N, C-alpha and C. Protein backbone atom coordinates (compact mmCIF):
# COMPACT_ATOMS: atom_id res chain seq x y z
N MET A 1 0.79 -1.18 0.03
CA MET A 1 -0.01 0.01 0.02
C MET A 1 0.88 1.26 0.01
N ILE A 2 2.10 1.18 0.47
CA ILE A 2 2.92 2.39 0.53
C ILE A 2 3.21 2.81 -0.93
N VAL A 3 3.51 1.88 -1.87
CA VAL A 3 3.74 2.26 -3.21
C VAL A 3 2.54 2.99 -3.86
N ILE A 4 1.34 2.49 -3.50
CA ILE A 4 0.15 3.22 -4.03
C ILE A 4 0.11 4.59 -3.47
N GLY A 5 0.36 4.73 -2.18
CA GLY A 5 0.30 5.96 -1.47
C GLY A 5 1.33 6.94 -2.14
N LEU A 6 2.51 6.41 -2.40
CA LEU A 6 3.61 7.26 -3.01
C LEU A 6 3.22 7.75 -4.49
N VAL A 7 2.59 6.81 -5.21
CA VAL A 7 2.17 7.11 -6.56
C VAL A 7 1.12 8.17 -6.51
N ILE A 8 0.17 8.02 -5.66
CA ILE A 8 -0.91 9.07 -5.57
C ILE A 8 -0.31 10.42 -5.11
N PHE A 9 0.56 10.35 -4.13
CA PHE A 9 1.21 11.53 -3.59
C PHE A 9 2.06 12.22 -4.67
N GLY A 10 2.84 11.42 -5.41
CA GLY A 10 3.58 11.97 -6.47
C GLY A 10 2.79 12.59 -7.55
N SER A 11 1.65 11.95 -7.91
CA SER A 11 0.72 12.51 -8.97
C SER A 11 0.13 13.80 -8.41
N ALA A 12 -0.26 13.81 -7.17
CA ALA A 12 -0.89 15.09 -6.62
C ALA A 12 0.17 16.15 -6.60
N GLY A 13 1.41 15.80 -6.33
CA GLY A 13 2.48 16.76 -6.29
C GLY A 13 2.72 17.31 -7.66
N ALA A 14 2.63 16.55 -8.72
CA ALA A 14 2.86 17.00 -10.08
C ALA A 14 1.71 17.83 -10.48
N ALA A 15 0.47 17.47 -10.13
CA ALA A 15 -0.63 18.33 -10.39
C ALA A 15 -0.62 19.71 -9.74
N LEU A 16 -0.17 19.74 -8.44
CA LEU A 16 0.04 21.05 -7.74
C LEU A 16 1.09 21.86 -8.40
N ALA A 17 2.16 21.20 -8.87
CA ALA A 17 3.29 21.96 -9.54
C ALA A 17 2.71 22.57 -10.82
N TRP A 18 1.93 21.78 -11.50
CA TRP A 18 1.39 22.30 -12.80
C TRP A 18 0.39 23.50 -12.52
N ILE A 19 -0.43 23.39 -11.46
CA ILE A 19 -1.26 24.48 -11.09
C ILE A 19 -0.47 25.71 -10.63
N GLU A 20 0.60 25.51 -9.88
CA GLU A 20 1.46 26.63 -9.46
C GLU A 20 2.12 27.29 -10.64
N ASP A 21 2.59 26.47 -11.65
CA ASP A 21 3.23 27.03 -12.80
C ASP A 21 2.13 27.90 -13.57
N ARG A 22 0.97 27.41 -13.72
CA ARG A 22 -0.11 28.17 -14.39
C ARG A 22 -0.43 29.48 -13.71
N ILE A 23 -0.44 29.44 -12.35
CA ILE A 23 -0.70 30.65 -11.58
C ILE A 23 0.45 31.68 -11.82
N HIS A 24 1.67 31.19 -11.80
CA HIS A 24 2.85 32.12 -11.98
C HIS A 24 2.84 32.71 -13.34
N ARG A 25 2.41 31.90 -14.34
CA ARG A 25 2.54 32.40 -15.73
C ARG A 25 1.32 33.23 -16.15
N HIS A 26 0.17 32.92 -15.65
CA HIS A 26 -1.08 33.53 -16.16
C HIS A 26 -1.82 34.41 -15.20
N THR A 27 -1.38 34.55 -13.96
CA THR A 27 -2.12 35.37 -13.02
C THR A 27 -1.42 36.72 -12.85
N HIS A 28 -2.19 37.78 -13.10
CA HIS A 28 -1.55 39.09 -13.00
C HIS A 28 -2.10 39.81 -11.74
N SER A 29 -2.96 39.11 -10.95
CA SER A 29 -3.49 39.65 -9.78
C SER A 29 -2.69 39.15 -8.57
N ALA A 30 -2.05 40.13 -7.85
CA ALA A 30 -1.22 39.78 -6.69
C ALA A 30 -2.12 39.08 -5.58
N LEU A 31 -3.38 39.43 -5.55
CA LEU A 31 -4.31 38.92 -4.58
C LEU A 31 -4.52 37.33 -4.84
N ILE A 32 -4.82 37.05 -6.08
CA ILE A 32 -5.03 35.63 -6.42
C ILE A 32 -3.75 34.82 -6.28
N ALA A 33 -2.63 35.36 -6.67
CA ALA A 33 -1.33 34.70 -6.47
C ALA A 33 -1.08 34.45 -4.98
N ALA A 34 -1.29 35.43 -4.19
CA ALA A 34 -1.09 35.29 -2.78
C ALA A 34 -2.01 34.23 -2.17
N TRP A 35 -3.32 34.25 -2.57
CA TRP A 35 -4.29 33.30 -2.10
C TRP A 35 -3.82 31.92 -2.47
N ALA A 36 -3.38 31.70 -3.73
CA ALA A 36 -2.89 30.40 -4.17
C ALA A 36 -1.71 30.01 -3.33
N GLU A 37 -0.74 30.86 -3.24
CA GLU A 37 0.58 30.47 -2.64
C GLU A 37 0.38 30.25 -1.10
N TYR A 38 -0.45 30.91 -0.42
CA TYR A 38 -0.56 30.84 1.00
C TYR A 38 -1.75 30.14 1.52
N PHE A 39 -2.68 29.72 0.62
CA PHE A 39 -3.82 28.95 1.10
C PHE A 39 -4.10 27.72 0.27
N ALA A 40 -4.37 27.94 -1.05
CA ALA A 40 -4.85 26.84 -1.94
C ALA A 40 -3.74 25.72 -2.09
N LEU A 41 -2.45 26.20 -2.36
CA LEU A 41 -1.47 25.20 -2.58
C LEU A 41 -1.07 24.46 -1.28
N PRO A 42 -0.92 25.15 -0.11
CA PRO A 42 -0.66 24.39 1.14
C PRO A 42 -1.83 23.46 1.53
N LEU A 43 -3.07 23.88 1.23
CA LEU A 43 -4.20 22.96 1.46
C LEU A 43 -4.10 21.78 0.59
N GLY A 44 -3.76 21.94 -0.67
CA GLY A 44 -3.53 20.82 -1.64
C GLY A 44 -2.48 19.88 -1.18
N ARG A 45 -1.36 20.45 -0.71
CA ARG A 45 -0.24 19.61 -0.17
C ARG A 45 -0.67 18.86 1.04
N SER A 46 -1.48 19.50 1.90
CA SER A 46 -1.99 18.87 3.15
C SER A 46 -2.91 17.62 2.76
N PHE A 47 -3.73 17.81 1.80
CA PHE A 47 -4.58 16.70 1.35
C PHE A 47 -3.80 15.56 0.71
N ALA A 48 -2.68 15.92 -0.04
CA ALA A 48 -1.76 14.95 -0.61
C ALA A 48 -1.10 14.12 0.44
N LEU A 49 -0.64 14.85 1.51
CA LEU A 49 -0.07 14.08 2.66
C LEU A 49 -1.05 13.23 3.33
N MET A 50 -2.29 13.75 3.52
CA MET A 50 -3.22 12.89 4.15
C MET A 50 -3.58 11.68 3.41
N ILE A 51 -3.53 11.75 2.09
CA ILE A 51 -3.79 10.60 1.24
C ILE A 51 -2.58 9.58 1.45
N LEU A 52 -1.38 10.12 1.37
CA LEU A 52 -0.18 9.29 1.54
C LEU A 52 -0.27 8.62 2.86
N ILE A 53 -0.54 9.19 3.95
CA ILE A 53 -0.59 8.59 5.24
C ILE A 53 -1.80 7.65 5.36
N GLY A 54 -2.94 8.13 4.86
CA GLY A 54 -4.14 7.17 4.94
C GLY A 54 -4.01 5.91 4.11
N VAL A 55 -3.55 6.03 2.89
CA VAL A 55 -3.44 4.84 2.05
C VAL A 55 -2.37 3.95 2.43
N SER A 56 -1.29 4.49 3.04
CA SER A 56 -0.11 3.66 3.50
C SER A 56 -0.32 3.02 4.81
N TYR A 57 -1.35 3.43 5.59
CA TYR A 57 -1.51 2.94 6.89
C TYR A 57 -2.14 1.44 6.74
N PRO A 58 -1.66 0.46 7.58
CA PRO A 58 -0.78 0.45 8.62
C PRO A 58 0.72 0.15 8.19
N ASP A 59 0.82 -0.17 6.94
CA ASP A 59 2.16 -0.52 6.39
C ASP A 59 3.17 0.64 6.61
N LEU A 60 2.62 1.86 6.76
CA LEU A 60 3.43 3.01 7.01
C LEU A 60 4.27 2.81 8.29
N PHE A 61 3.80 2.11 9.27
CA PHE A 61 4.53 1.87 10.45
C PHE A 61 5.23 0.62 10.50
N GLY A 62 5.25 -0.16 9.43
CA GLY A 62 5.92 -1.47 9.34
C GLY A 62 5.16 -2.59 10.06
N ILE A 63 3.88 -2.39 10.25
CA ILE A 63 3.08 -3.52 10.90
C ILE A 63 1.91 -3.90 9.98
N SER A 64 1.40 -5.01 10.19
CA SER A 64 0.28 -5.52 9.48
C SER A 64 -1.03 -5.55 10.20
N ALA A 65 -0.96 -5.79 11.56
CA ALA A 65 -2.04 -5.95 12.36
C ALA A 65 -2.24 -4.60 13.12
N ALA A 66 -3.32 -3.93 12.85
CA ALA A 66 -3.58 -2.74 13.56
C ALA A 66 -5.06 -2.39 13.38
N PRO A 67 -5.56 -1.58 14.34
CA PRO A 67 -7.00 -1.16 14.23
C PRO A 67 -7.18 -0.41 12.87
N PRO A 68 -8.32 -0.58 12.27
CA PRO A 68 -8.59 0.08 10.97
C PRO A 68 -8.55 1.64 11.16
N LEU A 69 -8.09 2.29 10.12
CA LEU A 69 -7.93 3.73 10.20
C LEU A 69 -9.21 4.44 10.58
N PHE A 70 -10.29 4.12 10.04
CA PHE A 70 -11.54 4.79 10.41
C PHE A 70 -11.89 4.59 11.84
N GLU A 71 -11.57 3.42 12.38
CA GLU A 71 -11.74 3.24 13.86
C GLU A 71 -10.95 4.18 14.62
N LEU A 72 -9.64 4.30 14.26
CA LEU A 72 -8.81 5.25 14.99
C LEU A 72 -9.33 6.65 14.90
N LEU A 73 -9.74 7.13 13.77
CA LEU A 73 -10.23 8.52 13.57
C LEU A 73 -11.48 8.66 14.33
N SER A 74 -12.39 7.71 14.31
CA SER A 74 -13.67 7.93 14.99
C SER A 74 -13.54 7.76 16.53
N ALA A 75 -12.47 7.08 16.99
CA ALA A 75 -12.27 6.94 18.41
C ALA A 75 -11.89 8.30 19.02
N HIS A 76 -11.42 9.26 18.19
CA HIS A 76 -10.99 10.57 18.68
C HIS A 76 -11.96 11.61 18.07
N LYS A 77 -12.69 12.28 18.94
CA LYS A 77 -13.63 13.23 18.54
C LYS A 77 -13.06 14.17 17.49
N GLY A 78 -13.57 14.23 16.31
CA GLY A 78 -13.08 15.17 15.24
C GLY A 78 -11.76 14.69 14.70
N GLY A 79 -11.42 13.36 14.81
CA GLY A 79 -10.17 12.90 14.42
C GLY A 79 -9.73 13.33 12.98
N LEU A 80 -10.53 13.20 12.04
CA LEU A 80 -10.33 13.58 10.63
C LEU A 80 -10.05 15.04 10.56
N ASP A 81 -10.94 15.82 11.19
CA ASP A 81 -10.75 17.28 11.19
C ASP A 81 -9.41 17.72 11.87
N ARG A 82 -9.10 17.02 12.96
CA ARG A 82 -7.86 17.31 13.68
C ARG A 82 -6.64 17.04 12.78
N MET A 83 -6.72 15.90 12.03
CA MET A 83 -5.59 15.52 11.12
C MET A 83 -5.48 16.64 10.03
N ILE A 84 -6.55 17.01 9.47
CA ILE A 84 -6.56 18.06 8.43
C ILE A 84 -5.94 19.37 9.02
N THR A 85 -6.42 19.71 10.21
CA THR A 85 -5.97 20.93 10.80
C THR A 85 -4.43 20.91 11.12
N VAL A 86 -3.99 19.80 11.67
CA VAL A 86 -2.58 19.70 12.04
C VAL A 86 -1.71 19.83 10.69
N LEU A 87 -2.12 19.14 9.75
CA LEU A 87 -1.36 19.19 8.36
C LEU A 87 -1.41 20.54 7.78
N PHE A 88 -2.51 21.19 7.73
CA PHE A 88 -2.76 22.49 7.15
C PHE A 88 -1.99 23.55 7.89
N LEU A 89 -2.24 23.62 9.25
CA LEU A 89 -1.65 24.58 9.96
C LEU A 89 -0.13 24.54 10.14
N THR A 90 0.41 23.31 10.14
CA THR A 90 1.83 23.17 10.06
C THR A 90 2.41 23.56 8.65
N GLY A 91 1.61 23.33 7.65
CA GLY A 91 2.10 23.75 6.35
C GLY A 91 1.99 25.25 6.13
N LEU A 92 1.15 25.90 6.88
CA LEU A 92 1.13 27.39 6.85
C LEU A 92 2.13 28.05 7.80
N ALA A 93 2.29 27.49 8.98
CA ALA A 93 3.05 28.04 10.03
C ALA A 93 4.58 27.85 9.78
N LEU A 94 4.97 26.62 9.36
CA LEU A 94 6.40 26.35 9.28
C LEU A 94 7.16 27.29 8.29
N PRO A 95 6.60 27.54 7.16
CA PRO A 95 7.38 28.48 6.24
C PRO A 95 7.54 29.86 6.78
N SER A 96 6.77 30.30 7.80
CA SER A 96 6.90 31.61 8.30
C SER A 96 8.05 31.67 9.34
N LEU A 97 8.65 30.55 9.76
CA LEU A 97 9.79 30.58 10.62
C LEU A 97 11.05 30.85 9.87
N PRO A 98 11.85 31.85 10.40
CA PRO A 98 13.00 32.28 9.57
C PRO A 98 13.93 31.12 9.18
N VAL A 99 14.16 30.18 10.07
CA VAL A 99 15.10 29.06 9.82
C VAL A 99 14.52 28.26 8.57
N LEU A 100 13.28 28.00 8.51
CA LEU A 100 12.63 27.15 7.51
C LEU A 100 12.45 27.99 6.18
N ARG A 101 12.47 29.33 6.34
CA ARG A 101 12.26 30.12 5.16
C ARG A 101 13.61 29.92 4.31
N ARG A 102 14.73 29.76 4.96
CA ARG A 102 16.03 29.61 4.31
C ARG A 102 16.13 28.09 3.85
N MET A 103 15.44 27.22 4.50
CA MET A 103 15.58 25.76 4.13
C MET A 103 14.18 25.19 3.90
N PRO A 104 13.58 25.54 2.72
CA PRO A 104 12.20 25.14 2.42
C PRO A 104 12.04 23.62 2.33
N GLY A 105 13.07 22.86 2.16
CA GLY A 105 13.09 21.45 1.98
C GLY A 105 12.56 20.77 3.32
N LEU A 106 12.59 21.44 4.43
CA LEU A 106 12.25 20.89 5.69
C LEU A 106 10.78 21.01 5.99
N THR A 107 10.09 21.87 5.28
CA THR A 107 8.66 22.08 5.61
C THR A 107 7.80 20.94 5.36
N LEU A 108 7.89 20.28 4.19
CA LEU A 108 7.08 19.12 3.89
C LEU A 108 7.32 18.01 4.82
N PRO A 109 8.60 17.63 5.01
CA PRO A 109 8.78 16.48 6.00
C PRO A 109 8.32 16.74 7.34
N LEU A 110 8.54 17.95 7.86
CA LEU A 110 7.97 18.27 9.21
C LEU A 110 6.49 18.28 9.25
N GLN A 111 5.86 18.76 8.21
CA GLN A 111 4.43 18.75 8.11
C GLN A 111 3.92 17.34 8.10
N GLY A 112 4.51 16.46 7.22
CA GLY A 112 4.15 15.04 7.20
C GLY A 112 4.42 14.30 8.48
N MET A 113 5.55 14.68 9.14
CA MET A 113 5.84 13.98 10.46
C MET A 113 4.91 14.41 11.50
N ALA A 114 4.35 15.63 11.48
CA ALA A 114 3.36 16.06 12.42
C ALA A 114 2.04 15.12 12.25
N GLY A 115 1.65 14.90 11.01
CA GLY A 115 0.53 14.06 10.75
C GLY A 115 0.76 12.60 11.15
N VAL A 116 1.95 12.16 10.87
CA VAL A 116 2.34 10.75 11.21
C VAL A 116 2.37 10.60 12.78
N ALA A 117 2.93 11.66 13.47
CA ALA A 117 3.06 11.56 14.95
C ALA A 117 1.64 11.56 15.55
N LEU A 118 0.77 12.36 15.03
CA LEU A 118 -0.60 12.35 15.53
C LEU A 118 -1.25 10.98 15.37
N LEU A 119 -1.19 10.38 14.13
CA LEU A 119 -1.83 9.16 13.93
C LEU A 119 -1.13 8.11 14.82
N PHE A 120 0.24 8.12 14.91
CA PHE A 120 0.97 7.24 15.75
C PHE A 120 0.53 7.29 17.24
N SER A 121 0.32 8.43 17.66
CA SER A 121 -0.14 8.57 19.14
C SER A 121 -1.47 7.97 19.35
N TRP A 122 -2.35 8.10 18.32
CA TRP A 122 -3.66 7.39 18.43
C TRP A 122 -3.48 5.90 18.35
N LEU A 123 -2.66 5.41 17.45
CA LEU A 123 -2.42 4.05 17.29
C LEU A 123 -1.76 3.36 18.48
N ALA A 124 -0.67 4.02 19.02
CA ALA A 124 -0.07 3.51 20.23
C ALA A 124 -1.00 3.42 21.40
N GLY A 125 -1.94 4.42 21.48
CA GLY A 125 -3.01 4.43 22.60
C GLY A 125 -3.95 3.30 22.36
N ALA A 126 -4.32 3.04 21.14
CA ALA A 126 -5.28 1.93 20.83
C ALA A 126 -4.70 0.59 21.05
N MET A 127 -3.40 0.47 20.82
CA MET A 127 -2.72 -0.81 21.11
C MET A 127 -2.16 -0.93 22.50
N GLN A 128 -2.47 0.08 23.31
CA GLN A 128 -2.04 0.16 24.72
C GLN A 128 -0.54 0.03 24.82
N ILE A 129 0.24 0.71 24.08
CA ILE A 129 1.69 0.66 24.05
C ILE A 129 2.19 2.05 24.45
N ASP A 130 3.09 2.11 25.39
CA ASP A 130 3.66 3.34 25.82
C ASP A 130 4.82 3.66 24.83
N ALA A 131 4.66 4.64 23.96
CA ALA A 131 5.64 4.93 22.94
C ALA A 131 5.79 6.46 22.81
N THR A 132 6.89 6.88 22.24
CA THR A 132 7.15 8.27 22.01
C THR A 132 7.26 8.56 20.53
N TRP A 133 6.88 9.82 20.13
CA TRP A 133 6.94 10.16 18.74
C TRP A 133 8.19 10.98 18.41
N ILE A 134 9.08 11.18 19.48
CA ILE A 134 10.32 11.86 19.33
C ILE A 134 11.41 10.91 19.00
N PRO A 135 12.09 11.00 17.84
CA PRO A 135 13.15 10.14 17.42
C PRO A 135 14.35 10.32 18.41
N ASN A 136 15.12 9.24 18.50
CA ASN A 136 16.41 9.41 19.28
C ASN A 136 17.39 10.22 18.51
N PRO A 137 18.47 10.72 19.14
CA PRO A 137 19.46 11.64 18.46
C PRO A 137 20.01 11.01 17.18
N ALA A 138 20.33 9.74 17.14
CA ALA A 138 20.89 9.07 15.96
C ALA A 138 19.84 9.15 14.85
N GLN A 139 18.58 8.83 15.15
CA GLN A 139 17.57 8.83 14.10
C GLN A 139 17.33 10.25 13.63
N LEU A 140 17.34 11.15 14.51
CA LEU A 140 17.12 12.61 14.14
C LEU A 140 18.24 13.11 13.23
N LEU A 141 19.48 12.71 13.51
CA LEU A 141 20.63 13.09 12.75
C LEU A 141 20.44 12.47 11.29
N LEU A 142 20.00 11.24 11.21
CA LEU A 142 19.79 10.52 9.93
C LEU A 142 18.71 11.28 9.16
N LEU A 143 17.62 11.65 9.76
CA LEU A 143 16.59 12.39 9.08
C LEU A 143 17.09 13.73 8.50
N VAL A 144 17.92 14.39 9.38
CA VAL A 144 18.46 15.78 8.90
C VAL A 144 19.37 15.57 7.70
N ILE A 145 20.20 14.61 7.76
CA ILE A 145 21.14 14.27 6.62
C ILE A 145 20.38 13.86 5.39
N LEU A 146 19.42 13.03 5.49
CA LEU A 146 18.60 12.67 4.33
C LEU A 146 17.82 13.86 3.80
N SER A 147 17.39 14.75 4.57
CA SER A 147 16.66 15.94 4.08
C SER A 147 17.61 16.79 3.38
N GLY A 148 18.84 16.97 3.88
CA GLY A 148 19.79 17.78 3.24
C GLY A 148 20.17 17.24 1.91
N LEU A 149 20.34 15.90 1.81
CA LEU A 149 20.65 15.34 0.50
C LEU A 149 19.55 15.46 -0.48
N GLY A 150 18.33 15.42 -0.01
CA GLY A 150 17.18 15.67 -0.92
C GLY A 150 17.14 17.05 -1.46
N VAL A 151 17.46 17.98 -0.64
CA VAL A 151 17.49 19.40 -1.01
C VAL A 151 18.57 19.64 -2.09
N ILE A 152 19.78 19.10 -1.85
CA ILE A 152 20.87 19.15 -2.78
C ILE A 152 20.55 18.55 -4.11
N ALA A 153 19.98 17.25 -4.07
CA ALA A 153 19.61 16.57 -5.24
C ALA A 153 18.57 17.31 -6.06
N ALA A 154 17.59 17.89 -5.38
CA ALA A 154 16.58 18.69 -6.14
C ALA A 154 17.14 19.91 -6.80
N ARG A 155 18.13 20.54 -6.11
CA ARG A 155 18.77 21.72 -6.66
C ARG A 155 19.54 21.38 -7.87
N LEU A 156 20.33 20.24 -7.79
CA LEU A 156 21.24 19.86 -8.93
C LEU A 156 20.40 19.44 -10.11
N LEU A 157 19.31 18.64 -9.89
CA LEU A 157 18.50 18.27 -10.95
C LEU A 157 17.70 19.28 -11.59
N ALA A 158 17.34 20.32 -10.92
CA ALA A 158 16.59 21.43 -11.47
C ALA A 158 17.41 22.41 -12.27
N LEU A 159 18.82 22.32 -12.04
CA LEU A 159 19.72 23.22 -12.85
C LEU A 159 19.73 22.97 -14.33
N CYS A 160 19.18 21.80 -14.74
CA CYS A 160 19.28 21.44 -16.20
C CYS A 160 18.20 22.26 -16.98
N VAL A 161 17.35 22.93 -16.26
CA VAL A 161 16.38 23.83 -16.97
C VAL A 161 16.83 25.23 -16.90
N LYS A 162 16.80 25.93 -18.04
CA LYS A 162 17.32 27.31 -18.17
C LYS A 162 16.26 28.39 -17.73
N GLU A 163 14.96 28.15 -17.97
CA GLU A 163 13.94 29.17 -17.71
C GLU A 163 13.76 29.23 -16.15
N PRO A 164 13.93 30.38 -15.59
CA PRO A 164 13.91 30.50 -14.16
C PRO A 164 12.59 30.03 -13.45
N VAL A 165 11.44 30.33 -14.01
CA VAL A 165 10.15 29.93 -13.44
C VAL A 165 10.03 28.38 -13.46
N VAL A 166 10.31 27.84 -14.65
CA VAL A 166 10.23 26.36 -14.84
C VAL A 166 11.26 25.72 -13.86
N CYS A 167 12.45 26.27 -13.81
CA CYS A 167 13.49 25.75 -12.92
C CYS A 167 13.01 25.65 -11.47
N GLN A 168 12.43 26.79 -11.02
CA GLN A 168 11.91 26.85 -9.64
C GLN A 168 10.83 25.79 -9.42
N ASP A 169 9.90 25.80 -10.38
CA ASP A 169 8.76 24.79 -10.25
C ASP A 169 9.23 23.33 -10.26
N LEU A 170 10.25 23.07 -11.10
CA LEU A 170 10.82 21.72 -11.14
C LEU A 170 11.46 21.43 -9.84
N HIS A 171 12.25 22.43 -9.31
CA HIS A 171 12.87 22.23 -8.03
C HIS A 171 11.89 21.89 -6.93
N ASP A 172 10.81 22.65 -6.96
CA ASP A 172 9.77 22.39 -5.88
C ASP A 172 9.17 21.02 -6.07
N LEU A 173 8.87 20.57 -7.19
CA LEU A 173 8.31 19.22 -7.45
C LEU A 173 9.27 18.15 -7.03
N LEU A 174 10.52 18.28 -7.49
CA LEU A 174 11.56 17.30 -7.11
C LEU A 174 11.78 17.26 -5.64
N LEU A 175 11.68 18.44 -4.99
CA LEU A 175 11.94 18.49 -3.56
C LEU A 175 10.77 17.77 -2.81
N LEU A 176 9.49 17.93 -3.34
CA LEU A 176 8.35 17.31 -2.82
C LEU A 176 8.51 15.81 -2.89
N TRP A 177 8.93 15.26 -4.13
CA TRP A 177 9.13 13.86 -4.24
C TRP A 177 10.28 13.33 -3.39
N LEU A 178 11.38 14.11 -3.34
CA LEU A 178 12.51 13.54 -2.60
C LEU A 178 12.36 13.61 -1.11
N GLN A 179 11.54 14.52 -0.64
CA GLN A 179 11.30 14.54 0.86
C GLN A 179 10.23 13.57 1.33
N ALA A 180 9.37 13.15 0.44
CA ALA A 180 8.29 12.23 0.92
C ALA A 180 8.89 10.92 1.60
N PRO A 181 9.90 10.40 1.10
CA PRO A 181 10.44 9.16 1.80
C PRO A 181 10.82 9.47 3.19
N LEU A 182 11.19 10.68 3.59
CA LEU A 182 11.54 11.01 5.00
C LEU A 182 10.40 10.71 5.89
N ILE A 183 9.19 11.06 5.40
CA ILE A 183 8.01 10.80 6.21
C ILE A 183 7.85 9.33 6.49
N LEU A 184 8.08 8.45 5.49
CA LEU A 184 7.99 7.08 5.60
C LEU A 184 9.02 6.55 6.54
N ILE A 185 10.24 6.98 6.45
CA ILE A 185 11.39 6.57 7.30
C ILE A 185 11.05 6.95 8.72
N TYR A 186 10.53 8.11 9.01
CA TYR A 186 10.14 8.53 10.37
C TYR A 186 9.06 7.61 10.86
N ALA A 187 8.05 7.32 10.00
CA ALA A 187 6.97 6.42 10.46
C ALA A 187 7.51 4.99 10.80
N ARG A 188 8.52 4.55 10.06
CA ARG A 188 9.03 3.23 10.34
C ARG A 188 9.83 3.29 11.63
N MET A 189 10.49 4.42 11.89
CA MET A 189 11.21 4.51 13.23
C MET A 189 10.20 4.45 14.34
N LEU A 190 9.05 5.13 14.20
CA LEU A 190 8.05 5.12 15.19
C LEU A 190 7.44 3.73 15.33
N GLY A 191 7.20 3.07 14.20
CA GLY A 191 6.60 1.80 14.16
C GLY A 191 7.43 0.70 14.82
N SER A 192 8.71 0.90 14.87
CA SER A 192 9.59 -0.07 15.55
C SER A 192 9.29 -0.24 17.01
N GLN A 193 8.65 0.79 17.61
CA GLN A 193 8.28 0.69 19.02
C GLN A 193 6.99 -0.21 19.20
N LEU A 194 6.31 -0.53 18.14
CA LEU A 194 5.05 -1.24 18.28
C LEU A 194 5.22 -2.70 18.17
N SER A 195 6.39 -3.24 17.84
CA SER A 195 6.64 -4.68 17.65
C SER A 195 7.12 -5.26 18.93
């Protein structure tokens, strides 16, 4: 199911990149461009992450036996709404932090990790396992290194395009695709506590 989740996520990312390109090229209204940049596209990425997490569950955590996803969501009042809110608000808030403004490649993994951590806390509670969503220092270092490598790879691959707008859009799409595995790695790190 992880592969299906990644394919859907990758396709949604490509669609969002296409929409963003169209907005950059054909929108002359600063208000519409700002609305798309700060509301519509982050909301789209939030739903793409939700689909990745939902479709990949429970394989996401490296386990096969787990309560059904809808059971977990319904066990927590407004579970689906809370998941959407966490993903959307982190997607809006994180880019406003000065550190993440300079390193945009960290926004998507942190956003996805917030959603995974929320789902994991519900899963661990349902399985009555005392677990933490905070990775140990070695795991955290690995995630930071992999994120950095994804940023570098996206930058290098996007350099092959000469047109600045297309280069930026390609960079953003590649970054989206290259950072998605970090969410899965983080989920597996959490899932190792469940076995």
